[in-house]
Structures are given as structure tokens and as C-alpha cells.
Amino acid sequence: MEKKNKKVKSFWKAMVFAASVFCVGLIVYPALEPAITDAANTADDVLVNLSVAPTISLNSPTDVSMGTITGTGNVTGSTTWTVTTNNSSGWKLEVATDQANTMHSGSDVFTDYTEAVEGTPETWSIASSASEFGFGATGTYIESKFGTGKYMGFNSTAKEQVSHGSAETAGDDTTVIFKAEVGSAKSQPSGSYSATVTATATTL
């Protein structure tokens, strides 16, 4: 009989413990439920923008000394312009002078070189009775019409494109070669002659 009572007591103790655990579960579970069951989340994107403005610069080379013509003959000189730009579409380089027959000393001039086909560089050639001044160009990026030993004349203040590039660059060079000649039958007045040539770099 005593053993039976112990079993009954043990049973009820177990039942009370189970009931206690159940009650605690009823209290604690609702508090834990969001952490257990609420695994949903949400997200949002933003687009971050900026722009890079195109820039272009051109170096400033020293003045060109072509030397001296004694009586008749020719002289040459050159300068190199370097274009730097971040413009992804590239750049162009143009040259122009401040006046017609730009190589002058007072009213005395070398006439601008005249091509057989206007605007097309050619092998240098002048009449024996003439004195002329012109230019050519060399470099990786020169226009295809220029080539070794080919020259053309300046067209007063009109810009002439000598080279271009199709992408950004940390420095692309174009060398412009100047040439002047006094023909064998020409008496060119003595003097100190000069010409002002302006190079302009532009983004494409």
C-alpha cells in the first residue's frame, strides 16, 4: 500500500512539473515567437551618381628660331605641341596665323606657300622668283594628308587641323615643321622676319 502511495505521489509530482513547464512555456513562447518565426526582411537600393567633366590642356613650347637665309636658299624649324585630355571621345589640334603672309618684317613678307591643289600638302617647291613660308606636320596622330616632306601654306586666320586622337590621353605629341625659302632669282629685302602661329586643342 505504501509503495502504491509513493507511485501516486510521484505521478502527481510529474504531472505538476509537466503542468508547470507547460505554463512557463505559455508565458515565454509568445515573447520568443517573433525571434523564432519572424525571419522576413526588407531591402532598398540607392543609385549613387557622379560626373567627370572633360578637360583639355596644351603645353607651351619655346619660340622657334629658323636661322638665317643668306641671299637665297631655305631654312626649317619645328616645335612640338602636346595635347592632354580626359575626354573619352578624343581631341583635335589646329593651327592658324594672325594674318595673311604671316612671315613678315614690316611691310616685307614671305608669301604663304601655295599648293598645286589648295589645302593639300605636297613636296616643297617654289618658283625661283618667289619667297614663301609654309608648314608640315609629323607624329603618330597627324592627319593622313600630311606625310614626310610635305608642306602647305597657312590660310590667314583660318584654322587648319593637323592632328587628332580618338580617346583620352596623358599626352599626345604633334610636331609642326616650318619652312621658308627665297628663290634663286628672288632678292628678298633684309630684315628680321617673324610669324605668329597659334595652336588650338579642342575636345571632340
C-alpha atoms as a PDB file:
ATOM      1  CA  MET A   1       0.000   0.000   0.000  1.00  0.00           C
ATOM      2  CA  GLU A   2       2.853   2.346   0.912  1.00  0.00           C
ATOM      3  CA  LYS A   3       4.566   1.615  -2.427  1.00  0.00           C
ATOM      4  CA  LYS A   4       1.339   2.414  -4.227  1.00  0.00           C
ATOM      5  CA  ASN A   5       1.060   5.761  -2.425  1.00  0.00           C
ATOM      6  CA  LYS A   6       4.635   6.587  -3.414  1.00  0.00           C
ATOM      7  CA  LYS A   7       3.838   5.835  -7.018  1.00  0.00           C
ATOM      8  CA  VAL A   8       0.758   8.050  -6.873  1.00  0.00           C
ATOM      9  CA  LYS A   9       2.761  10.870  -5.299  1.00  0.00           C
ATOM     10  CA  SER A  10       5.473  10.504  -7.926  1.00  0.00           C
ATOM     11  CA  PHE A  11       2.844  10.571 -10.647  1.00  0.00           C
ATOM     12  CA  TRP A  12       1.296  13.746  -9.320  1.00  0.00           C
ATOM     13  CA  LYS A  13       4.699  15.354  -8.895  1.00  0.00           C
ATOM     14  CA  ALA A  14       5.428  14.541 -12.504  1.00  0.00           C
ATOM     15  CA  MET A  15       2.075  15.959 -13.520  1.00  0.00           C
ATOM     16  CA  VAL A  16       2.667  19.150 -11.511  1.00  0.00           C
ATOM     17  CA  PHE A  17       6.116  19.531 -13.059  1.00  0.00           C
ATOM     18  CA  ALA A  18       4.731  18.983 -16.516  1.00  0.00           C
ATOM     19  CA  ALA A  19       1.949  21.466 -15.857  1.00  0.00           C
ATOM     20  CA  SER A  20       4.500  23.981 -14.554  1.00  0.00           C
ATOM     21  CA  VAL A  21       6.656  23.573 -17.659  1.00  0.00           C
ATOM     22  CA  PHE A  22       3.581  23.950 -19.837  1.00  0.00           C
ATOM     23  CA  CYS A  23       2.539  27.138 -18.049  1.00  0.00           C
ATOM     24  CA  VAL A  24       6.039  28.579 -18.287  1.00  0.00           C
ATOM     25  CA  GLY A  25       6.033  27.715 -21.980  1.00  0.00           C
ATOM     26  CA  LEU A  26       2.736  29.541 -22.427  1.00  0.00           C
ATOM     27  CA  ILE A  27       4.296  32.633 -20.851  1.00  0.00           C
ATOM     28  CA  VAL A  28       7.710  32.536 -22.509  1.00  0.00           C
ATOM     29  CA  TYR A  29       6.784  31.343 -26.023  1.00  0.00           C
ATOM     30  CA  PRO A  30       4.855  34.468 -27.097  1.00  0.00           C
ATOM     31  CA  ALA A  31       7.911  36.567 -26.165  1.00  0.00           C
ATOM     32  CA  LEU A  32      10.235  34.326 -28.148  1.00  0.00           C
ATOM     33  CA  GLU A  33       7.884  33.768 -31.049  1.00  0.00           C
ATOM     34  CA  PRO A  34       8.885  36.852 -33.124  1.00  0.00           C
ATOM     35  CA  ALA A  35      12.529  35.838 -32.902  1.00  0.00           C
ATOM     36  CA  ILE A  36      11.673  32.306 -33.842  1.00  0.00           C
ATOM     37  CA  THR A  37       9.084  32.835 -36.557  1.00  0.00           C
ATOM     38  CA  ASP A  38       9.629  36.386 -37.936  1.00  0.00           C
ATOM     39  CA  ALA A  39      12.503  35.690 -40.384  1.00  0.00           C
ATOM     40  CA  ALA A  40      11.137  38.166 -43.018  1.00  0.00           C
ATOM     41  CA  ASN A  41      13.295  41.143 -44.096  1.00  0.00           C
ATOM     42  CA  THR A  42      13.196  44.086 -46.484  1.00  0.00           C
ATOM     43  CA  ALA A  43      15.861  45.887 -48.557  1.00  0.00           C
ATOM     44  CA  ASP A  44      16.236  49.057 -50.594  1.00  0.00           C
ATOM     45  CA  ASP A  45      18.832  50.226 -53.121  1.00  0.00           C
ATOM     46  CA  VAL A  46      20.059  53.729 -53.926  1.00  0.00           C
ATOM     47  CA  LEU A  47      21.889  54.711 -57.097  1.00  0.00           C
ATOM     48  CA  VAL A  48      24.972  56.820 -56.410  1.00  0.00           C
ATOM     49  CA  ASN A  49      25.873  59.163 -59.282  1.00  0.00           C
ATOM     50  CA  LEU A  50      28.749  61.448 -60.152  1.00  0.00           C
ATOM     51  CA  SER A  51      30.088  63.032 -63.329  1.00  0.00           C
ATOM     52  CA  VAL A  52      33.605  63.770 -64.573  1.00  0.00           C
ATOM     53  CA  ALA A  53      33.846  66.924 -66.656  1.00  0.00           C
ATOM     54  CA  PRO A  54      36.051  66.850 -69.774  1.00  0.00           C
ATOM     55  CA  THR A  55      39.265  68.836 -69.602  1.00  0.00           C
ATOM     56  CA  ILE A  56      41.990  69.546 -72.149  1.00  0.00           C
ATOM     57  CA  SER A  57      45.358  71.255 -71.981  1.00  0.00           C
ATOM     58  CA  LEU A  58      48.175  72.155 -74.339  1.00  0.00           C
ATOM     59  CA  ASN A  59      51.814  72.694 -73.483  1.00  0.00           C
ATOM     60  CA  SER A  60      53.594  75.943 -74.276  1.00  0.00           C
ATOM     61  CA  PRO A  61      56.771  75.198 -76.245  1.00  0.00           C
ATOM     62  CA  THR A  62      59.552  77.743 -76.693  1.00  0.00           C
ATOM     63  CA  ASP A  63      59.696  80.093 -79.671  1.00  0.00           C
ATOM     64  CA  VAL A  64      61.227  78.741 -82.879  1.00  0.00           C
ATOM     65  CA  SER A  65      64.438  80.139 -84.373  1.00  0.00           C
ATOM     66  CA  MET A  66      64.723  79.135 -88.022  1.00  0.00           C
ATOM     67  CA  GLY A  67      68.179  80.610 -88.530  1.00  0.00           C
ATOM     68  CA  THR A  68      69.369  82.877 -91.342  1.00  0.00           C
ATOM     69  CA  ILE A  69      68.993  82.858 -95.116  1.00  0.00           C
ATOM     70  CA  THR A  70      71.961  84.485 -96.785  1.00  0.00           C
ATOM     71  CA  GLY A  71      70.795  85.710-100.178  1.00  0.00           C
ATOM     72  CA  THR A  72      68.827  82.667-101.346  1.00  0.00           C
ATOM     73  CA  GLY A  73      68.049  79.217-100.029  1.00  0.00           C
ATOM     74  CA  ASN A  74      65.786  77.724 -97.336  1.00  0.00           C
ATOM     75  CA  VAL A  75      65.616  77.177 -93.610  1.00  0.00           C
ATOM     76  CA  THR A  76      63.408  74.988 -91.408  1.00  0.00           C
ATOM     77  CA  GLY A  77      62.408  74.924 -87.774  1.00  0.00           C
ATOM     78  CA  SER A  78      59.954  72.933 -85.682  1.00  0.00           C
ATOM     79  CA  THR A  79      58.006  72.853 -82.467  1.00  0.00           C
ATOM     80  CA  THR A  80      56.066  70.129 -80.682  1.00  0.00           C
ATOM     81  CA  TRP A  81      52.672  70.612 -79.087  1.00  0.00           C
ATOM     82  CA  THR A  82      51.450  68.032 -76.561  1.00  0.00           C
ATOM     83  CA  VAL A  83      47.717  67.551 -76.013  1.00  0.00           C
ATOM     84  CA  THR A  84      46.484  66.156 -72.682  1.00  0.00           C
ATOM     85  CA  THR A  85      42.816  65.396 -72.136  1.00  0.00           C
ATOM     86  CA  ASN A  86      40.483  63.103 -70.177  1.00  0.00           C
ATOM     87  CA  ASN A  87      37.815  63.363 -72.864  1.00  0.00           C
ATOM     88  CA  SER A  88      36.862  59.805 -73.858  1.00  0.00           C
ATOM     89  CA  SER A  89      35.896  60.907 -77.389  1.00  0.00           C
ATOM     90  CA  GLY A  90      39.311  62.400 -78.062  1.00  0.00           C
ATOM     91  CA  TRP A  91      40.738  65.690 -79.282  1.00  0.00           C
ATOM     92  CA  LYS A  92      41.867  67.694 -82.297  1.00  0.00           C
ATOM     93  CA  LEU A  93      44.746  70.126 -82.836  1.00  0.00           C
ATOM     94  CA  GLU A  94      44.502  73.070 -85.231  1.00  0.00           C
ATOM     95  CA  VAL A  95      46.971  75.783 -86.238  1.00  0.00           C
ATOM     96  CA  ALA A  96      46.388  79.265 -87.615  1.00  0.00           C
ATOM     97  CA  THR A  97      48.200  82.571 -88.043  1.00  0.00           C
ATOM     98  CA  ASP A  98      47.215  86.130 -87.212  1.00  0.00           C
ATOM     99  CA  GLN A  99      47.356  87.468 -90.788  1.00  0.00           C
ATOM    100  CA  ALA A 100      47.862  86.575 -94.423  1.00  0.00           C
ATOM    101  CA  ASN A 101      51.533  86.299 -95.485  1.00  0.00           C
ATOM    102  CA  THR A 102      52.291  85.837 -91.822  1.00  0.00           C
ATOM    103  CA  MET A 103      56.092  85.714 -92.113  1.00  0.00           C
ATOM    104  CA  HIS A 104      56.875  89.415 -92.308  1.00  0.00           C
ATOM    105  CA  SER A 105      59.255  92.209 -91.428  1.00  0.00           C
ATOM    106  CA  GLY A 106      57.284  95.440 -91.511  1.00  0.00           C
ATOM    107  CA  SER A 107      55.744  95.567 -94.983  1.00  0.00           C
ATOM    108  CA  ASP A 108      58.163  92.973 -96.400  1.00  0.00           C
ATOM    109  CA  VAL A 109      56.795  89.429 -96.465  1.00  0.00           C
ATOM    110  CA  PHE A 110      57.279  85.821 -97.417  1.00  0.00           C
ATOM    111  CA  THR A 111      54.052  84.878 -99.154  1.00  0.00           C
ATOM    112  CA  ASP A 112      52.098  81.939 -97.751  1.00  0.00           C
ATOM    113  CA  TYR A 113      53.072  78.727 -99.536  1.00  0.00           C
ATOM    114  CA  THR A 114      50.733  77.914-102.414  1.00  0.00           C
ATOM    115  CA  GLU A 115      49.894  74.252-103.084  1.00  0.00           C
ATOM    116  CA  ALA A 116      49.121  72.906-106.541  1.00  0.00           C
ATOM    117  CA  VAL A 117      45.863  71.613-105.061  1.00  0.00           C
ATOM    118  CA  GLU A 118      44.654  74.063-102.419  1.00  0.00           C
ATOM    119  CA  GLY A 119      44.629  72.585 -98.940  1.00  0.00           C
ATOM    120  CA  THR A 120      46.659  69.513 -99.933  1.00  0.00           C
ATOM    121  CA  PRO A 121      50.190  69.243 -98.539  1.00  0.00           C
ATOM    122  CA  GLU A 122      52.830  68.484-101.158  1.00  0.00           C
ATOM    123  CA  THR A 123      56.562  68.183-101.698  1.00  0.00           C
ATOM    124  CA  TRP A 124      58.023  71.642-101.231  1.00  0.00           C
ATOM    125  CA  SER A 125      58.576  73.538-104.475  1.00  0.00           C
ATOM    126  CA  ILE A 126      58.558  77.285-105.233  1.00  0.00           C
ATOM    127  CA  ALA A 127      59.278  79.417-108.247  1.00  0.00           C
ATOM    128  CA  SER A 128      62.781  80.845-108.499  1.00  0.00           C
ATOM    129  CA  SER A 129      61.304  84.353-108.340  1.00  0.00           C
ATOM    130  CA  ALA A 130      59.318  83.704-105.128  1.00  0.00           C
ATOM    131  CA  SER A 131      59.878  83.717-101.394  1.00  0.00           C
ATOM    132  CA  GLU A 132      57.419  81.595 -99.432  1.00  0.00           C
ATOM    133  CA  PHE A 133      56.656  80.279 -95.927  1.00  0.00           C
ATOM    134  CA  GLY A 134      54.701  77.141 -95.065  1.00  0.00           C
ATOM    135  CA  PHE A 135      54.401  74.213 -92.700  1.00  0.00           C
ATOM    136  CA  GLY A 136      54.167  70.451 -92.437  1.00  0.00           C
ATOM    137  CA  ALA A 137      53.475  68.024 -89.590  1.00  0.00           C
ATOM    138  CA  THR A 138      54.801  64.763 -88.204  1.00  0.00           C
ATOM    139  CA  GLY A 139      53.687  62.433 -85.439  1.00  0.00           C
ATOM    140  CA  THR A 140      51.507  59.433 -84.707  1.00  0.00           C
ATOM    141  CA  TYR A 141      48.263  61.391 -84.794  1.00  0.00           C
ATOM    142  CA  ILE A 142      48.705  63.687 -87.816  1.00  0.00           C
ATOM    143  CA  GLU A 143      46.036  63.899 -90.493  1.00  0.00           C
ATOM    144  CA  SER A 144      46.576  61.431 -93.327  1.00  0.00           C
ATOM    145  CA  LYS A 145      47.144  64.169 -95.907  1.00  0.00           C
ATOM    146  CA  PHE A 146      50.408  65.082 -94.216  1.00  0.00           C
ATOM    147  CA  GLY A 147      53.453  62.961 -94.842  1.00  0.00           C
ATOM    148  CA  THR A 148      57.230  63.071 -94.814  1.00  0.00           C
ATOM    149  CA  GLY A 149      58.487  66.156 -96.603  1.00  0.00           C
ATOM    150  CA  LYS A 150      55.027  67.521 -97.396  1.00  0.00           C
ATOM    151  CA  TYR A 151      54.075  71.134 -96.778  1.00  0.00           C
ATOM    152  CA  MET A 152      51.197  73.517 -97.216  1.00  0.00           C
ATOM    153  CA  GLY A 153      50.573  77.204 -96.658  1.00  0.00           C
ATOM    154  CA  PHE A 154      48.688  78.912 -93.868  1.00  0.00           C
ATOM    155  CA  ASN A 155      45.319  80.295 -94.861  1.00  0.00           C
ATOM    156  CA  SER A 156      45.447  83.574 -92.975  1.00  0.00           C
ATOM    157  CA  THR A 157      43.445  83.283 -89.720  1.00  0.00           C
ATOM    158  CA  ALA A 158      41.560  80.134 -90.794  1.00  0.00           C
ATOM    159  CA  LYS A 159      42.338  77.124 -88.596  1.00  0.00           C
ATOM    160  CA  GLU A 160      43.914  74.073 -90.213  1.00  0.00           C
ATOM    161  CA  GLN A 161      43.520  70.728 -88.441  1.00  0.00           C
ATOM    162  CA  VAL A 162      46.855  68.937 -88.288  1.00  0.00           C
ATOM    163  CA  SER A 163      46.142  66.015 -85.950  1.00  0.00           C
ATOM    164  CA  HIS A 164      43.548  64.305 -83.792  1.00  0.00           C
ATOM    165  CA  GLY A 165      43.103  61.444 -81.337  1.00  0.00           C
ATOM    166  CA  SER A 166      40.029  59.329 -80.632  1.00  0.00           C
ATOM    167  CA  ALA A 167      40.418  58.756 -76.882  1.00  0.00           C
ATOM    168  CA  GLU A 168      41.636  60.327 -73.673  1.00  0.00           C
ATOM    169  CA  THR A 169      45.382  60.773 -73.403  1.00  0.00           C
ATOM    170  CA  ALA A 170      48.056  61.583 -70.851  1.00  0.00           C
ATOM    171  CA  GLY A 171      49.999  63.358 -73.610  1.00  0.00           C
ATOM    172  CA  ASP A 172      49.922  63.028 -77.430  1.00  0.00           C
ATOM    173  CA  ASP A 173      52.575  64.894 -79.435  1.00  0.00           C
ATOM    174  CA  THR A 174      52.301  66.674 -82.766  1.00  0.00           C
ATOM    175  CA  THR A 175      55.385  68.260 -84.327  1.00  0.00           C
ATOM    176  CA  VAL A 176      54.808  71.139 -86.721  1.00  0.00           C
ATOM    177  CA  ILE A 177      57.653  71.874 -89.126  1.00  0.00           C
ATOM    178  CA  PHE A 178      58.038  75.379 -90.557  1.00  0.00           C
ATOM    179  CA  LYS A 179      59.881  76.097 -93.797  1.00  0.00           C
ATOM    180  CA  ALA A 180      60.866  79.305 -95.564  1.00  0.00           C
ATOM    181  CA  GLU A 181      62.704  79.770 -98.839  1.00  0.00           C
ATOM    182  CA  VAL A 182      63.996  82.566-101.009  1.00  0.00           C
ATOM    183  CA  GLY A 183      64.080  81.529-104.679  1.00  0.00           C
ATOM    184  CA  SER A 184      67.301  81.630-106.655  1.00  0.00           C
ATOM    185  CA  ALA A 185      66.111  84.641-108.691  1.00  0.00           C
ATOM    186  CA  LYS A 186      64.476  86.496-105.786  1.00  0.00           C
ATOM    187  CA  SER A 187      66.007  89.453-103.964  1.00  0.00           C
ATOM    188  CA  GLN A 188      64.317  89.311-100.578  1.00  0.00           C
ATOM    189  CA  PRO A 189      64.676  92.515 -98.525  1.00  0.00           C
ATOM    190  CA  SER A 190      66.898  92.005 -95.493  1.00  0.00           C
ATOM    191  CA  GLY A 191      65.333  92.217 -92.065  1.00  0.00           C
ATOM    192  CA  SER A 192      64.206  90.317 -89.004  1.00  0.00           C
ATOM    193  CA  TYR A 193      61.132  88.335 -90.045  1.00  0.00           C
ATOM    194  CA  SER A 194      58.630  86.702 -87.734  1.00  0.00           C
ATOM    195  CA  ALA A 195      55.271  84.913 -87.825  1.00  0.00           C
ATOM    196  CA  THR A 196      52.732  84.319 -85.078  1.00  0.00           C
ATOM    197  CA  VAL A 197      51.315  80.776 -85.200  1.00  0.00           C
ATOM    198  CA  THR A 198      48.598  79.735 -82.766  1.00  0.00           C
ATOM    199  CA  ALA A 199      47.789  76.120 -81.930  1.00  0.00           C
ATOM    200  CA  THR A 200      44.344  75.291 -80.553  1.00  0.00           C
ATOM    201  CA  ALA A 201      43.421  71.988 -78.890  1.00  0.00           C
ATOM    202  CA  THR A 202      39.722  71.094 -78.693  1.00  0.00           C
ATOM    203  CA  THR A 203      37.782  68.138 -77.275  1.00  0.00           C
ATOM    204  CA  LEU A 204      35.719  66.109 -79.741  1.00  0.00           C
END
